[in-house]
């Protein structure tokens, strides 16, 4: 299990895809509200009108200089653009992300009905 102290060390690290191709620097980490496990990270994309893109961290490999994720750079480029407001995503946006990356999405039985929260 990754602790919050370890997550703090991830910020600013380079994310690379399963082929070792650079995706970008990690901005934020979103954890599962029920398990506290890191599920997604965000990277900035685009030169003009930069936006945050979500990248799954479920099978991340921690290296000395980067974090290797189990998806391709192309999958990340094709990910849905999601506006972030506050510490949590909407349930609809969460569902979009999980489905884009072909991950199983089940809304938690929390008051908000949301699975992800930023750490």
PDB file of N, CA and C in Angstrom:
ATOM      1  N   UNK A   1       0.841  -1.184   0.000  1.00  0.00           N
ATOM      2  CA  UNK A   1       0.000   0.000   0.000  1.00  0.00           C
ATOM      3  C   UNK A   1       0.886   1.247   0.000  1.00  0.00           C
ATOM      4  N   UNK A   2       0.508   2.241  -0.780  1.00  0.00           N
ATOM      5  CA  UNK A   2       1.246   3.490  -0.872  1.00  0.00           C
ATOM      6  C   UNK A   2       0.695   4.451   0.173  1.00  0.00           C
ATOM      7  N   UNK A   3       1.564   5.030   0.988  1.00  0.00           N
ATOM      8  CA  UNK A   3       1.115   5.985   2.003  1.00  0.00           C
ATOM      9  C   UNK A   3       1.065   7.387   1.427  1.00  0.00           C
ATOM     10  N   UNK A   4       0.359   8.282   2.134  1.00  0.00           N
ATOM     11  CA  UNK A   4       0.255   9.672   1.677  1.00  0.00           C
ATOM     12  C   UNK A   4       1.621  10.339   1.627  1.00  0.00           C
ATOM     13  N   UNK A   5       2.528   9.954   2.530  1.00  0.00           N
ATOM     14  CA  UNK A   5       3.867  10.522   2.503  1.00  0.00           C
ATOM     15  C   UNK A   5       4.563  10.156   1.194  1.00  0.00           C
ATOM     16  N   UNK A   6       4.386   8.921   0.735  1.00  0.00           N
ATOM     17  CA  UNK A   6       4.983   8.488  -0.527  1.00  0.00           C
ATOM     18  C   UNK A   6       4.345   9.211  -1.713  1.00  0.00           C
ATOM     19  N   UNK A   7       3.031   9.425  -1.648  1.00  0.00           N
ATOM     20  CA  UNK A   7       2.351  10.137  -2.733  1.00  0.00           C
ATOM     21  C   UNK A   7       2.923  11.536  -2.908  1.00  0.00           C
ATOM     22  N   UNK A   8       3.271  12.189  -1.819  1.00  0.00           N
ATOM     23  CA  UNK A   8       3.838  13.534  -1.889  1.00  0.00           C
ATOM     24  C   UNK A   8       5.146  13.522  -2.687  1.00  0.00           C
ATOM     25  N   UNK A   9       5.891  12.425  -2.619  1.00  0.00           N
ATOM     26  CA  UNK A   9       7.145  12.304  -3.364  1.00  0.00           C
ATOM     27  C   UNK A   9       6.905  12.129  -4.860  1.00  0.00           C
ATOM     28  N   UNK A  10       5.716  11.725  -5.255  1.00  0.00           N
ATOM     29  CA  UNK A  10       5.402  11.505  -6.662  1.00  0.00           C
ATOM     30  C   UNK A  10       5.196  12.809  -7.429  1.00  0.00           C
ATOM     31  N   UNK A  11       4.716  13.846  -6.755  1.00  0.00           N
ATOM     32  CA  UNK A  11       4.396  15.108  -7.441  1.00  0.00           C
ATOM     33  C   UNK A  11       5.615  15.646  -8.181  1.00  0.00           C
ATOM     34  N   UNK A  12       5.412  15.983  -9.453  1.00  0.00           N
ATOM     35  CA  UNK A  12       6.476  16.523 -10.282  1.00  0.00           C
ATOM     36  C   UNK A  12       7.318  15.460 -10.969  1.00  0.00           C
ATOM     37  N   UNK A  13       7.109  14.179 -10.634  1.00  0.00           N
ATOM     38  CA  UNK A  13       7.860  13.115 -11.312  1.00  0.00           C
ATOM     39  C   UNK A  13       7.341  12.940 -12.733  1.00  0.00           C
ATOM     40  N   UNK A  14       8.217  12.484 -13.608  1.00  0.00           N
ATOM     41  CA  UNK A  14       7.857  12.219 -14.988  1.00  0.00           C
ATOM     42  C   UNK A  14       7.034  10.937 -15.075  1.00  0.00           C
ATOM     43  N   UNK A  15       5.897  10.996 -15.775  1.00  0.00           N
ATOM     44  CA  UNK A  15       5.112   9.795 -16.064  1.00  0.00           C
ATOM     45  C   UNK A  15       5.538   9.296 -17.439  1.00  0.00           C
ATOM     46  N   UNK A  16       5.788   7.993 -17.537  1.00  0.00           N
ATOM     47  CA  UNK A  16       6.106   7.392 -18.831  1.00  0.00           C
ATOM     48  C   UNK A  16       5.123   6.259 -19.088  1.00  0.00           C
ATOM     49  N   UNK A  17       4.852   6.014 -20.369  1.00  0.00           N
ATOM     50  CA  UNK A  17       3.918   4.936 -20.704  1.00  0.00           C
ATOM     51  C   UNK A  17       4.626   3.589 -20.626  1.00  0.00           C
ATOM     52  N   UNK A  18       3.907   2.522 -20.925  1.00  0.00           N
ATOM     53  CA  UNK A  18       4.456   1.179 -20.800  1.00  0.00           C
ATOM     54  C   UNK A  18       5.643   0.942 -21.731  1.00  0.00           C
ATOM     55  N   UNK A  19       5.800   1.786 -22.763  1.00  0.00           N
ATOM     56  CA  UNK A  19       6.945   1.704 -23.689  1.00  0.00           C
ATOM     57  C   UNK A  19       8.106   2.590 -23.266  1.00  0.00           C
ATOM     58  N   UNK A  20       7.921   3.373 -22.207  1.00  0.00           N
ATOM     59  CA  UNK A  20       8.960   4.293 -21.756  1.00  0.00           C
ATOM     60  C   UNK A  20       8.874   5.668 -22.373  1.00  0.00           C
ATOM     61  N   UNK A  21       7.808   5.935 -23.153  1.00  0.00           N
ATOM     62  CA  UNK A  21       7.626   7.235 -23.791  1.00  0.00           C
ATOM     63  C   UNK A  21       7.051   8.227 -22.786  1.00  0.00           C
ATOM     64  N   UNK A  22       7.598   9.433 -22.760  1.00  0.00           N
ATOM     65  CA  UNK A  22       7.179  10.447 -21.793  1.00  0.00           C
ATOM     66  C   UNK A  22       5.739  10.896 -22.032  1.00  0.00           C
ATOM     67  N   UNK A  23       4.980  10.959 -20.947  1.00  0.00           N
ATOM     68  CA  UNK A  23       3.599  11.454 -20.998  1.00  0.00           C
ATOM     69  C   UNK A  23       3.547  12.876 -20.447  1.00  0.00           C
ATOM     70  N   UNK A  24       4.301  13.151 -19.406  1.00  0.00           N
ATOM     71  CA  UNK A  24       4.324  14.471 -18.791  1.00  0.00           C
ATOM     72  C   UNK A  24       4.621  14.365 -17.302  1.00  0.00           C
ATOM     73  N   UNK A  25       4.688  15.506 -16.649  1.00  0.00           N
ATOM     74  CA  UNK A  25       4.974  15.533 -15.209  1.00  0.00           C
ATOM     75  C   UNK A  25       3.675  15.390 -14.420  1.00  0.00           C
ATOM     76  N   UNK A  26       3.733  14.601 -13.365  1.00  0.00           N
ATOM     77  CA  UNK A  26       2.567  14.361 -12.515  1.00  0.00           C
ATOM     78  C   UNK A  26       2.206  15.620 -11.746  1.00  0.00           C
ATOM     79  N   UNK A  27       0.956  16.046 -11.871  1.00  0.00           N
ATOM     80  CA  UNK A  27       0.454  17.226 -11.176  1.00  0.00           C
ATOM     81  C   UNK A  27      -0.228  16.844  -9.858  1.00  0.00           C
ATOM     82  N   UNK A  28      -1.280  16.053  -9.945  1.00  0.00           N
ATOM     83  CA  UNK A  28      -2.070  15.659  -8.775  1.00  0.00           C
ATOM     84  C   UNK A  28      -2.327  14.164  -8.806  1.00  0.00           C
ATOM     85  N   UNK A  29      -2.622  13.618  -7.627  1.00  0.00           N
ATOM     86  CA  UNK A  29      -2.971  12.211  -7.497  1.00  0.00           C
ATOM     87  C   UNK A  29      -4.386  12.120  -6.940  1.00  0.00           C
ATOM     88  N   UNK A  30      -5.209  11.276  -7.535  1.00  0.00           N
ATOM     89  CA  UNK A  30      -6.566  11.013  -7.068  1.00  0.00           C
ATOM     90  C   UNK A  30      -6.612   9.596  -6.535  1.00  0.00           C
ATOM     91  N   UNK A  31      -7.107   9.450  -5.311  1.00  0.00           N
ATOM     92  CA  UNK A  31      -7.165   8.137  -4.664  1.00  0.00           C
ATOM     93  C   UNK A  31      -8.607   7.651  -4.571  1.00  0.00           C
ATOM     94  N   UNK A  32      -8.759   6.348  -4.433  1.00  0.00           N
ATOM     95  CA  UNK A  32     -10.054   5.723  -4.210  1.00  0.00           C
ATOM     96  C   UNK A  32     -10.479   6.081  -2.783  1.00  0.00           C
ATOM     97  N   UNK A  33     -11.675   6.644  -2.621  1.00  0.00           N
ATOM     98  CA  UNK A  33     -12.119   7.095  -1.299  1.00  0.00           C
ATOM     99  C   UNK A  33     -12.351   5.944  -0.328  1.00  0.00           C
ATOM    100  N   UNK A  34     -12.562   4.740  -0.836  1.00  0.00           N
ATOM    101  CA  UNK A  34     -12.807   3.602   0.047  1.00  0.00           C
ATOM    102  C   UNK A  34     -11.516   2.889   0.464  1.00  0.00           C
ATOM    103  N   UNK A  35     -10.543   2.821  -0.445  1.00  0.00           N
ATOM    104  CA  UNK A  35      -9.311   2.069  -0.146  1.00  0.00           C
ATOM    105  C   UNK A  35      -8.097   2.958   0.078  1.00  0.00           C
ATOM    106  N   UNK A  36      -8.188   4.232  -0.303  1.00  0.00           N
ATOM    107  CA  UNK A  36      -7.092   5.192  -0.220  1.00  0.00           C
ATOM    108  C   UNK A  36      -5.930   4.844  -1.155  1.00  0.00           C
ATOM    109  N   UNK A  37      -6.162   3.980  -2.116  1.00  0.00           N
ATOM    110  CA  UNK A  37      -5.146   3.606  -3.099  1.00  0.00           C
ATOM    111  C   UNK A  37      -5.131   4.629  -4.238  1.00  0.00           C
ATOM    112  N   UNK A  38      -3.938   4.983  -4.752  1.00  0.00           N
ATOM    113  CA  UNK A  38      -3.876   5.904  -5.896  1.00  0.00           C
ATOM    114  C   UNK A  38      -4.479   5.261  -7.139  1.00  0.00           C
ATOM    115  N   UNK A  39      -5.406   5.962  -7.776  1.00  0.00           N
ATOM    116  CA  UNK A  39      -6.079   5.430  -8.960  1.00  0.00           C
ATOM    117  C   UNK A  39      -5.739   6.206 -10.233  1.00  0.00           C
ATOM    118  N   UNK A  40      -5.670   7.533 -10.135  1.00  0.00           N
ATOM    119  CA  UNK A  40      -5.379   8.365 -11.299  1.00  0.00           C
ATOM    120  C   UNK A  40      -4.441   9.494 -10.899  1.00  0.00           C
ATOM    121  N   UNK A  41      -3.657   9.923 -11.873  1.00  0.00           N
ATOM    122  CA  UNK A  41      -2.843  11.117 -11.728  1.00  0.00           C
ATOM    123  C   UNK A  41      -3.194  12.051 -12.859  1.00  0.00           C
ATOM    124  N   UNK A  42      -2.817  13.310 -12.733  1.00  0.00           N
ATOM    125  CA  UNK A  42      -3.068  14.259 -13.814  1.00  0.00           C
ATOM    126  C   UNK A  42      -1.739  14.778 -14.352  1.00  0.00           C
ATOM    127  N   UNK A  43      -1.720  15.036 -15.662  1.00  0.00           N
ATOM    128  CA  UNK A  43      -0.584  15.658 -16.338  1.00  0.00           C
ATOM    129  C   UNK A  43      -1.134  16.803 -17.177  1.00  0.00           C
ATOM    130  N   UNK A  44      -0.295  17.826 -17.401  1.00  0.00           N
ATOM    131  CA  UNK A  44      -0.701  18.928 -18.276  1.00  0.00           C
ATOM    132  C   UNK A  44      -0.381  18.544 -19.703  1.00  0.00           C
ATOM    133  N   UNK A  45      -1.326  18.848 -20.608  1.00  0.00           N
ATOM    134  CA  UNK A  45      -1.134  18.566 -22.031  1.00  0.00           C
ATOM    135  C   UNK A  45      -1.408  19.818 -22.838  1.00  0.00           C
ATOM    136  N   UNK A  46      -0.837  19.864 -24.023  1.00  0.00           N
ATOM    137  CA  UNK A  46      -1.078  20.954 -24.947  1.00  0.00           C
ATOM    138  C   UNK A  46      -0.124  22.111 -24.732  1.00  0.00           C
ATOM    139  N   UNK A  47       0.174  22.821 -25.808  1.00  0.00           N
ATOM    140  CA  UNK A  47       1.057  23.983 -25.723  1.00  0.00           C
ATOM    141  C   UNK A  47       0.262  25.251 -25.483  1.00  0.00           C
ATOM    142  N   UNK A  48      -0.824  25.390 -26.223  1.00  0.00           N
ATOM    143  CA  UNK A  48      -1.712  26.542 -26.056  1.00  0.00           C
ATOM    144  C   UNK A  48      -3.007  26.003 -25.474  1.00  0.00           C
ATOM    145  N   UNK A  49      -3.541  26.664 -24.483  1.00  0.00           N
ATOM    146  CA  UNK A  49      -4.763  26.183 -23.851  1.00  0.00           C
ATOM    147  C   UNK A  49      -4.528  24.859 -23.141  1.00  0.00           C
ATOM    148  N   UNK A  50      -3.445  24.782 -22.386  1.00  0.00           N
ATOM    149  CA  UNK A  50      -3.097  23.543 -21.692  1.00  0.00           C
ATOM    150  C   UNK A  50      -4.233  23.098 -20.782  1.00  0.00           C
ATOM    151  N   UNK A  51      -4.388  21.798 -20.671  1.00  0.00           N
ATOM    152  CA  UNK A  51      -5.425  21.231 -19.819  1.00  0.00           C
ATOM    153  C   UNK A  51      -4.867  20.015 -19.090  1.00  0.00           C
ATOM    154  N   UNK A  52      -5.543  19.620 -18.022  1.00  0.00           N
ATOM    155  CA  UNK A  52      -5.133  18.446 -17.267  1.00  0.00           C
ATOM    156  C   UNK A  52      -5.764  17.199 -17.871  1.00  0.00           C
ATOM    157  N   UNK A  53      -4.978  16.151 -17.989  1.00  0.00           N
ATOM    158  CA  UNK A  53      -5.450  14.872 -18.485  1.00  0.00           C
ATOM    159  C   UNK A  53      -5.210  13.826 -17.404  1.00  0.00           C
ATOM    160  N   UNK A  54      -6.175  12.942 -17.226  1.00  0.00           N
ATOM    161  CA  UNK A  54      -6.091  11.902 -16.207  1.00  0.00           C
ATOM    162  C   UNK A  54      -5.429  10.649 -16.763  1.00  0.00           C
ATOM    163  N   UNK A  55      -4.540  10.064 -15.955  1.00  0.00           N
ATOM    164  CA  UNK A  55      -3.787   8.867 -16.320  1.00  0.00           C
ATOM    165  C   UNK A  55      -3.970   7.849 -15.193  1.00  0.00           C
ATOM    166  N   UNK A  56      -4.340   6.597 -15.511  1.00  0.00           N
ATOM    167  CA  UNK A  56      -4.522   5.607 -14.445  1.00  0.00           C
ATOM    168  C   UNK A  56      -3.190   5.236 -13.782  1.00  0.00           C
ATOM    169  N   UNK A  57      -3.224   5.127 -12.461  1.00  0.00           N
ATOM    170  CA  UNK A  57      -2.029   4.778 -11.686  1.00  0.00           C
ATOM    171  C   UNK A  57      -2.150   3.410 -11.026  1.00  0.00           C
ATOM    172  N   UNK A  58      -3.180   2.655 -11.374  1.00  0.00           N
ATOM    173  CA  UNK A  58      -3.444   1.381 -10.712  1.00  0.00           C
ATOM    174  C   UNK A  58      -2.301   0.388 -10.763  1.00  0.00           C
ATOM    175  N   UNK A  59      -1.555   0.341 -11.843  1.00  0.00           N
ATOM    176  CA  UNK A  59      -0.451  -0.602 -11.977  1.00  0.00           C
ATOM    177  C   UNK A  59       0.861   0.145 -12.186  1.00  0.00           C
ATOM    178  N   UNK A  60       1.050   1.232 -11.443  1.00  0.00           N
ATOM    179  CA  UNK A  60       2.240   2.075 -11.592  1.00  0.00           C
ATOM    180  C   UNK A  60       3.478   1.349 -11.070  1.00  0.00           C
ATOM    181  N   UNK A  61       4.583   1.542 -11.793  1.00  0.00           N
ATOM    182  CA  UNK A  61       5.889   1.044 -11.365  1.00  0.00           C
ATOM    183  C   UNK A  61       6.732   2.249 -10.991  1.00  0.00           C
ATOM    184  N   UNK A  62       7.228   2.263  -9.776  1.00  0.00           N
ATOM    185  CA  UNK A  62       7.965   3.409  -9.274  1.00  0.00           C
ATOM    186  C   UNK A  62       9.449   3.222  -9.571  1.00  0.00           C
ATOM    187  N   UNK A  63       9.997   4.140 -10.367  1.00  0.00           N
ATOM    188  CA  UNK A  63      11.419   4.115 -10.688  1.00  0.00           C
ATOM    189  C   UNK A  63      12.128   5.256  -9.985  1.00  0.00           C
ATOM    190  N   UNK A  64      13.436   5.323 -10.101  1.00  0.00           N
ATOM    191  CA  UNK A  64      14.173   6.391  -9.428  1.00  0.00           C
ATOM    192  C   UNK A  64      13.867   7.777 -10.000  1.00  0.00           C
ATOM    193  N   UNK A  65      13.605   7.850 -11.311  1.00  0.00           N
ATOM    194  CA  UNK A  65      13.380   9.143 -11.956  1.00  0.00           C
ATOM    195  C   UNK A  65      11.993   9.319 -12.541  1.00  0.00           C
ATOM    196  N   UNK A  66      11.183   8.252 -12.549  1.00  0.00           N
ATOM    197  CA  UNK A  66       9.872   8.369 -13.181  1.00  0.00           C
ATOM    198  C   UNK A  66       8.897   7.357 -12.595  1.00  0.00           C
ATOM    199  N   UNK A  67       7.668   7.484 -13.046  1.00  0.00           N
ATOM    200  CA  UNK A  67       6.597   6.544 -12.711  1.00  0.00           C
ATOM    201  C   UNK A  67       6.115   5.950 -14.031  1.00  0.00           C
ATOM    202  N   UNK A  68       6.191   4.621 -14.173  1.00  0.00           N
ATOM    203  CA  UNK A  68       5.767   3.954 -15.407  1.00  0.00           C
ATOM    204  C   UNK A  68       4.338   3.461 -15.211  1.00  0.00           C
ATOM    205  N   UNK A  69       3.452   3.858 -16.134  1.00  0.00           N
ATOM    206  CA  UNK A  69       2.049   3.462 -16.062  1.00  0.00           C
ATOM    207  C   UNK A  69       1.772   2.381 -17.100  1.00  0.00           C
ATOM    208  N   UNK A  70       0.683   1.666 -16.916  1.00  0.00           N
ATOM    209  CA  UNK A  70       0.365   0.503 -17.749  1.00  0.00           C
ATOM    210  C   UNK A  70      -0.542   0.841 -18.925  1.00  0.00           C
ATOM    211  N   UNK A  71      -0.433   2.062 -19.439  1.00  0.00           N
ATOM    212  CA  UNK A  71      -1.213   2.477 -20.611  1.00  0.00           C
ATOM    213  C   UNK A  71      -0.270   3.131 -21.612  1.00  0.00           C
ATOM    214  N   UNK A  72      -0.748   3.316 -22.837  1.00  0.00           N
ATOM    215  CA  UNK A  72       0.074   3.956 -23.868  1.00  0.00           C
ATOM    216  C   UNK A  72      -0.138   5.466 -23.858  1.00  0.00           C
ATOM    217  N   UNK A  73       0.826   6.175 -24.401  1.00  0.00           N
ATOM    218  CA  UNK A  73       0.722   7.629 -24.530  1.00  0.00           C
ATOM    219  C   UNK A  73      -0.490   7.989 -25.388  1.00  0.00           C
ATOM    220  N   UNK A  74      -0.769   7.155 -26.394  1.00  0.00           N
ATOM    221  CA  UNK A  74      -1.921   7.386 -27.273  1.00  0.00           C
ATOM    222  C   UNK A  74      -3.236   7.311 -26.494  1.00  0.00           C
ATOM    223  N   UNK A  75      -3.364   6.335 -25.594  1.00  0.00           N
ATOM    224  CA  UNK A  75      -4.577   6.242 -24.760  1.00  0.00           C
ATOM    225  C   UNK A  75      -4.751   7.501 -23.923  1.00  0.00           C
ATOM    226  N   UNK A  76      -3.659   8.018 -23.409  1.00  0.00           N
ATOM    227  CA  UNK A  76      -3.720   9.232 -22.591  1.00  0.00           C
ATOM    228  C   UNK A  76      -4.158  10.412 -23.455  1.00  0.00           C
ATOM    229  N   UNK A  77      -3.597  10.519 -24.657  1.00  0.00           N
ATOM    230  CA  UNK A  77      -3.983  11.621 -25.566  1.00  0.00           C
ATOM    231  C   UNK A  77      -5.472  11.590 -25.907  1.00  0.00           C
ATOM    232  N   UNK A  78      -6.030  10.387 -25.989  1.00  0.00           N
ATOM    233  CA  UNK A  78      -7.436  10.230 -26.359  1.00  0.00           C
ATOM    234  C   UNK A  78      -8.384  10.282 -25.166  1.00  0.00           C
ATOM    235  N   UNK A  79      -7.844  10.466 -23.963  1.00  0.00           N
ATOM    236  CA  UNK A  79      -8.678  10.496 -22.749  1.00  0.00           C
ATOM    237  C   UNK A  79      -9.629  11.692 -22.792  1.00  0.00           C
ATOM    238  N   UNK A  80     -10.802  11.556 -22.163  1.00  0.00           N
ATOM    239  CA  UNK A  80     -11.752  12.666 -22.143  1.00  0.00           C
ATOM    240  C   UNK A  80     -11.198  13.861 -21.371  1.00  0.00           C
ATOM    241  N   UNK A  81     -11.498  15.062 -21.854  1.00  0.00           N
ATOM    242  CA  UNK A  81     -11.115  16.280 -21.133  1.00  0.00           C
ATOM    243  C   UNK A  81     -12.107  16.500 -20.006  1.00  0.00           C
ATOM    244  N   UNK A  82     -11.592  16.608 -18.797  1.00  0.00           N
ATOM    245  CA  UNK A  82     -12.452  16.748 -17.630  1.00  0.00           C
ATOM    246  C   UNK A  82     -12.022  17.971 -16.841  1.00  0.00           C
ATOM    247  N   UNK A  83     -12.973  18.828 -16.557  1.00  0.00           N
ATOM    248  CA  UNK A  83     -12.705  20.006 -15.725  1.00  0.00           C
ATOM    249  C   UNK A  83     -12.741  19.585 -14.270  1.00  0.00           C
ATOM    250  N   UNK A  84     -11.759  20.002 -13.509  1.00  0.00           N
ATOM    251  CA  UNK A  84     -11.742  19.659 -12.085  1.00  0.00           C
ATOM    252  C   UNK A  84     -12.160  20.866 -11.273  1.00  0.00           C
ATOM    253  N   UNK A  85     -13.047  20.628 -10.348  1.00  0.00           N
ATOM    254  CA  UNK A  85     -13.510  21.670  -9.433  1.00  0.00           C
ATOM    255  C   UNK A  85     -13.476  21.087  -8.036  1.00  0.00           C
ATOM    256  N   UNK A  86     -12.658  21.656  -7.162  1.00  0.00           N
ATOM    257  CA  UNK A  86     -12.587  21.141  -5.806  1.00  0.00           C
ATOM    258  C   UNK A  86     -11.740  19.889  -5.722  1.00  0.00           C
ATOM    259  N   UNK A  87     -12.024  19.070  -4.741  1.00  0.00           N
ATOM    260  CA  UNK A  87     -11.209  17.895  -4.456  1.00  0.00           C
ATOM    261  C   UNK A  87     -11.723  16.616  -5.114  1.00  0.00           C
ATOM    262  N   UNK A  88     -12.952  16.625  -5.643  1.00  0.00           N
ATOM    263  CA  UNK A  88     -13.527  15.413  -6.209  1.00  0.00           C
ATOM    264  C   UNK A  88     -14.063  15.660  -7.616  1.00  0.00           C
ATOM    265  N   UNK A  89     -14.117  14.597  -8.393  1.00  0.00           N
ATOM    266  CA  UNK A  89     -14.747  14.641  -9.710  1.00  0.00           C
ATOM    267  C   UNK A  89     -16.211  14.265  -9.566  1.00  0.00           C
ATOM    268  N   UNK A  90     -17.008  14.624 -10.571  1.00  0.00           N
ATOM    269  CA  UNK A  90     -18.401  14.186 -10.556  1.00  0.00           C
ATOM    270  C   UNK A  90     -18.444  12.690 -10.835  1.00  0.00           C
ATOM    271  N   UNK A  91     -19.524  12.050 -10.457  1.00  0.00           N
ATOM    272  CA  UNK A  91     -19.693  10.619 -10.697  1.00  0.00           C
ATOM    273  C   UNK A  91     -19.680  10.323 -12.202  1.00  0.00           C
ATOM    274  N   UNK A  92     -20.280  11.199 -12.989  1.00  0.00           N
ATOM    275  CA  UNK A  92     -20.308  11.006 -14.451  1.00  0.00           C
ATOM    276  C   UNK A  92     -18.899  11.082 -15.038  1.00  0.00           C
ATOM    277  N   UNK A  93     -18.083  12.046 -14.566  1.00  0.00           N
ATOM    278  CA  UNK A  93     -16.718  12.170 -15.057  1.00  0.00           C
ATOM    279  C   UNK A  93     -15.870  10.968 -14.644  1.00  0.00           C
ATOM    280  N   UNK A  94     -16.058  10.510 -13.415  1.00  0.00           N
ATOM    281  CA  UNK A  94     -15.340   9.318 -12.969  1.00  0.00           C
ATOM    282  C   UNK A  94     -15.662   8.133 -13.872  1.00  0.00           C
ATOM    283  N   UNK A  95     -16.933   7.946 -14.149  1.00  0.00           N
ATOM    284  CA  UNK A  95     -17.374   6.840 -14.993  1.00  0.00           C
ATOM    285  C   UNK A  95     -16.742   6.935 -16.384  1.00  0.00           C
ATOM    286  N   UNK A  96     -16.690   8.151 -16.956  1.00  0.00           N
ATOM    287  CA  UNK A  96     -16.053   8.357 -18.263  1.00  0.00           C
ATOM    288  C   UNK A  96     -14.594   7.910 -18.249  1.00  0.00           C
ATOM    289  N   UNK A  97     -13.867   8.309 -17.218  1.00  0.00           N
ATOM    290  CA  UNK A  97     -12.451   7.948 -17.112  1.00  0.00           C
ATOM    291  C   UNK A  97     -12.256   6.441 -17.018  1.00  0.00           C
ATOM    292  N   UNK A  98     -12.994   5.820 -16.115  1.00  0.00           N
ATOM    293  CA  UNK A  98     -12.863   4.383 -15.930  1.00  0.00           C
ATOM    294  C   UNK A  98     -13.189   3.638 -17.229  1.00  0.00           C
ATOM    295  N   UNK A  99     -14.229   4.051 -17.912  1.00  0.00           N
ATOM    296  CA  UNK A  99     -14.605   3.371 -19.149  1.00  0.00           C
ATOM    297  C   UNK A  99     -13.595   3.616 -20.266  1.00  0.00           C
ATOM    298  N   UNK A 100     -13.050   4.822 -20.354  1.00  0.00           N
ATOM    299  CA  UNK A 100     -12.049   5.110 -21.382  1.00  0.00           C
ATOM    300  C   UNK A 100     -10.842   4.176 -21.247  1.00  0.00           C
ATOM    301  N   UNK A 101     -10.408   3.973 -20.020  1.00  0.00           N
ATOM    302  CA  UNK A 101      -9.243   3.113 -19.782  1.00  0.00           C
ATOM    303  C   UNK A 101      -9.625   1.640 -19.548  1.00  0.00           C
ATOM    304  N   UNK A 102     -10.879   1.329 -19.796  1.00  0.00           N
ATOM    305  CA  UNK A 102     -11.400  -0.040 -19.677  1.00  0.00           C
ATOM    306  C   UNK A 102     -11.174  -0.619 -18.284  1.00  0.00           C
ATOM    307  N   UNK A 103     -11.467   0.205 -17.282  1.00  0.00           N
ATOM    308  CA  UNK A 103     -11.385  -0.208 -15.883  1.00  0.00           C
ATOM    309  C   UNK A 103     -12.797  -0.399 -15.351  1.00  0.00           C
ATOM    310  N   UNK A 104     -12.970  -1.288 -14.426  1.00  0.00           N
ATOM    311  CA  UNK A 104     -14.285  -1.554 -13.848  1.00  0.00           C
ATOM    312  C   UNK A 104     -14.680  -0.406 -12.917  1.00  0.00           C
ATOM    313  N   UNK A 105     -15.806   0.237 -13.195  1.00  0.00           N
ATOM    314  CA  UNK A 105     -16.267   1.347 -12.356  1.00  0.00           C
ATOM    315  C   UNK A 105     -17.543   0.962 -11.618  1.00  0.00           C
ATOM    316  N   UNK A 106     -17.480   1.065 -10.309  1.00  0.00           N
ATOM    317  CA  UNK A 106     -18.655   0.880  -9.463  1.00  0.00           C
ATOM    318  C   UNK A 106     -18.675   2.052  -8.494  1.00  0.00           C
ATOM    319  N   UNK A 107     -19.752   2.825  -8.535  1.00  0.00           N
ATOM    320  CA  UNK A 107     -19.849   3.978  -7.635  1.00  0.00           C
ATOM    321  C   UNK A 107     -19.865   3.485  -6.189  1.00  0.00           C
ATOM    322  N   UNK A 108     -19.112   4.124  -5.307  1.00  0.00           N
ATOM    323  CA  UNK A 108     -19.077   3.677  -3.911  1.00  0.00           C
ATOM    324  C   UNK A 108     -20.341   4.067  -3.166  1.00  0.00           C
ATOM    325  N   UNK A 109     -20.544   3.435  -2.054  1.00  0.00           N
ATOM    326  CA  UNK A 109     -21.708   3.760  -1.227  1.00  0.00           C
ATOM    327  C   UNK A 109     -21.321   4.808  -0.188  1.00  0.00           C
ATOM    328  N   UNK A 110     -20.858   5.946  -0.706  1.00  0.00           N
ATOM    329  CA  UNK A 110     -20.523   7.080   0.158  1.00  0.00           C
ATOM    330  C   UNK A 110     -21.606   8.128  -0.005  1.00  0.00           C
ATOM    331  N   UNK A 111     -21.587   9.115   0.859  1.00  0.00           N
ATOM    332  CA  UNK A 111     -22.589  10.177   0.790  1.00  0.00           C
ATOM    333  C   UNK A 111     -22.560  10.877  -0.566  1.00  0.00           C
ATOM    334  N   UNK A 112     -21.354  11.122  -1.096  1.00  0.00           N
ATOM    335  CA  UNK A 112     -21.232  11.830  -2.371  1.00  0.00           C
ATOM    336  C   UNK A 112     -21.470  10.913  -3.570  1.00  0.00           C
ATOM    337  N   UNK A 113     -21.324   9.596  -3.378  1.00  0.00           N
ATOM    338  CA  UNK A 113     -21.459   8.668  -4.494  1.00  0.00           C
ATOM    339  C   UNK A 113     -20.285   8.724  -5.446  1.00  0.00           C
ATOM    340  N   UNK A 114     -19.179   9.334  -5.004  1.00  0.00           N
ATOM    341  CA  UNK A 114     -17.997   9.462  -5.845  1.00  0.00           C
ATOM    342  C   UNK A 114     -16.891   8.548  -5.353  1.00  0.00           C
ATOM    343  N   UNK A 115     -16.061   8.098  -6.287  1.00  0.00           N
ATOM    344  CA  UNK A 115     -14.990   7.156  -5.977  1.00  0.00           C
ATOM    345  C   UNK A 115     -13.649   7.854  -5.753  1.00  0.00           C
ATOM    346  N   UNK A 116     -13.360   8.962  -6.443  1.00  0.00           N
ATOM    347  CA  UNK A 116     -12.033   9.579  -6.436  1.00  0.00           C
ATOM    348  C   UNK A 116     -11.978  10.874  -5.650  1.00  0.00           C
ATOM    349  N   UNK A 117     -10.856  11.087  -4.952  1.00  0.00           N
ATOM    350  CA  UNK A 117     -10.603  12.346  -4.260  1.00  0.00           C
ATOM    351  C   UNK A 117      -9.134  12.698  -4.436  1.00  0.00           C
ATOM    352  N   UNK A 118      -8.844  13.989  -4.593  1.00  0.00           N
ATOM    353  CA  UNK A 118      -7.467  14.446  -4.801  1.00  0.00           C
ATOM    354  C   UNK A 118      -6.696  14.444  -3.492  1.00  0.00           C
ATOM    355  N   UNK A 119      -5.440  14.010  -3.542  1.00  0.00           N
ATOM    356  CA  UNK A 119      -4.543  14.037  -2.370  1.00  0.00           C
ATOM    357  C   UNK A 119      -3.349  14.885  -2.656  1.00  0.00           C
TER     358      UNK A 119
END
